[in-house]
Amino acid sequence: MTVAVVLLATALVIVVALLAAAGAAKLARMDGAMYPAALTRAAVTFAAVITLAATVASAFATLLT
């Protein structure tokens, strides 16, 4: 049961990170950025969401143990 919850939470975080990255790329393109700059902004946003999720998970793990 625990493994399934961890896998579902991981999948949800990845989907949210991909959606945020796609939104950032779209907004960058609408702002007039070229494709390399838009992809860079998307990659930074993806990494930021993953990092934030790892930090929150680490804080919860510390509090719950």
C-alpha atoms as a PDB file:
ATOM      1  CA  MET A   1       0.000   0.000   0.000  1.00  0.00           C
ATOM      2  CA  THR A   2       2.781   2.432   0.928  1.00  0.00           C
ATOM      3  CA  VAL A   3       4.664   1.788  -2.308  1.00  0.00           C
ATOM      4  CA  ALA A   4       1.552   2.558  -4.328  1.00  0.00           C
ATOM      5  CA  VAL A   5       1.026   5.850  -2.497  1.00  0.00           C
ATOM      6  CA  VAL A   6       4.651   6.859  -3.060  1.00  0.00           C
ATOM      7  CA  LEU A   7       4.430   6.017  -6.762  1.00  0.00           C
ATOM      8  CA  LEU A   8       1.171   7.927  -7.180  1.00  0.00           C
ATOM      9  CA  ALA A   9       2.572  10.956  -5.349  1.00  0.00           C
ATOM     10  CA  THR A  10       5.701  10.866  -7.498  1.00  0.00           C
ATOM     11  CA  ALA A  11       3.639  10.659 -10.661  1.00  0.00           C
ATOM     12  CA  LEU A  12       1.497  13.580  -9.512  1.00  0.00           C
ATOM     13  CA  VAL A  13       4.564  15.716  -8.786  1.00  0.00           C
ATOM     14  CA  ILE A  14       6.045  14.936 -12.201  1.00  0.00           C
ATOM     15  CA  VAL A  15       2.779  15.807 -13.966  1.00  0.00           C
ATOM     16  CA  VAL A  16       2.505  19.091 -12.069  1.00  0.00           C
ATOM     17  CA  ALA A  17       6.140  19.891 -12.879  1.00  0.00           C
ATOM     18  CA  LEU A  18       5.575  19.173 -16.568  1.00  0.00           C
ATOM     19  CA  LEU A  19       2.458  21.352 -16.627  1.00  0.00           C
ATOM     20  CA  ALA A  20       4.313  24.198 -14.921  1.00  0.00           C
ATOM     21  CA  ALA A  21       7.191  23.864 -17.379  1.00  0.00           C
ATOM     22  CA  ALA A  22       4.828  23.875 -20.351  1.00  0.00           C
ATOM     23  CA  GLY A  23       3.104  26.968 -18.987  1.00  0.00           C
ATOM     24  CA  ALA A  24       6.427  28.722 -18.482  1.00  0.00           C
ATOM     25  CA  ALA A  25       7.519  27.888 -22.019  1.00  0.00           C
ATOM     26  CA  LYS A  26       4.225  29.099 -23.462  1.00  0.00           C
ATOM     27  CA  LEU A  27       4.406  32.355 -21.510  1.00  0.00           C
ATOM     28  CA  ALA A  28       8.006  32.853 -22.613  1.00  0.00           C
ATOM     29  CA  ARG A  29       7.049  32.342 -26.260  1.00  0.00           C
ATOM     30  CA  MET A  30       4.114  34.745 -25.910  1.00  0.00           C
ATOM     31  CA  ASP A  31       6.560  37.260 -24.436  1.00  0.00           C
ATOM     32  CA  GLY A  32       8.663  37.036 -27.599  1.00  0.00           C
ATOM     33  CA  ALA A  33      11.450  34.734 -26.438  1.00  0.00           C
ATOM     34  CA  MET A  34      13.107  32.467 -28.972  1.00  0.00           C
ATOM     35  CA  TYR A  35      12.788  28.684 -28.630  1.00  0.00           C
ATOM     36  CA  PRO A  36      16.111  28.117 -26.800  1.00  0.00           C
ATOM     37  CA  ALA A  37      15.241  30.756 -24.185  1.00  0.00           C
ATOM     38  CA  ALA A  38      11.736  29.329 -23.780  1.00  0.00           C
ATOM     39  CA  LEU A  39      13.133  25.826 -23.304  1.00  0.00           C
ATOM     40  CA  THR A  40      15.621  27.147 -20.759  1.00  0.00           C
ATOM     41  CA  ARG A  41      12.818  28.797 -18.791  1.00  0.00           C
ATOM     42  CA  ALA A  42      10.807  25.590 -18.963  1.00  0.00           C
ATOM     43  CA  ALA A  43      13.753  23.532 -17.712  1.00  0.00           C
ATOM     44  CA  VAL A  44      14.399  25.929 -14.835  1.00  0.00           C
ATOM     45  CA  THR A  45      10.721  25.822 -13.871  1.00  0.00           C
ATOM     46  CA  PHE A  46      10.661  22.015 -14.019  1.00  0.00           C
ATOM     47  CA  ALA A  47      13.756  21.785 -11.828  1.00  0.00           C
ATOM     48  CA  ALA A  48      12.337  24.312  -9.372  1.00  0.00           C
ATOM     49  CA  VAL A  49       9.083  22.372  -8.948  1.00  0.00           C
ATOM     50  CA  ILE A  50      10.937  19.078  -8.452  1.00  0.00           C
ATOM     51  CA  THR A  51      13.296  20.716  -5.942  1.00  0.00           C
ATOM     52  CA  LEU A  52      10.408  22.275  -4.055  1.00  0.00           C
ATOM     53  CA  ALA A  53       8.599  18.934  -3.892  1.00  0.00           C
ATOM     54  CA  ALA A  54      11.735  17.201  -2.587  1.00  0.00           C
ATOM     55  CA  THR A  55      12.225  19.891   0.044  1.00  0.00           C
ATOM     56  CA  VAL A  56       8.631  19.652   1.235  1.00  0.00           C
ATOM     57  CA  ALA A  57       8.818  15.853   1.318  1.00  0.00           C
ATOM     58  CA  SER A  58      12.028  16.034   3.328  1.00  0.00           C
ATOM     59  CA  ALA A  59      10.451  18.448   5.803  1.00  0.00           C
ATOM     60  CA  PHE A  60       7.404  16.206   6.197  1.00  0.00           C
ATOM     61  CA  ALA A  61       9.609  13.155   6.680  1.00  0.00           C
ATOM     62  CA  THR A  62      11.527  14.964   9.404  1.00  0.00           C
ATOM     63  CA  LEU A  63       8.341  15.995  11.173  1.00  0.00           C
ATOM     64  CA  LEU A  64       6.655  12.608  10.941  1.00  0.00           C
ATOM     65  CA  THR A  65       9.565  10.508  12.220  1.00  0.00           C
END
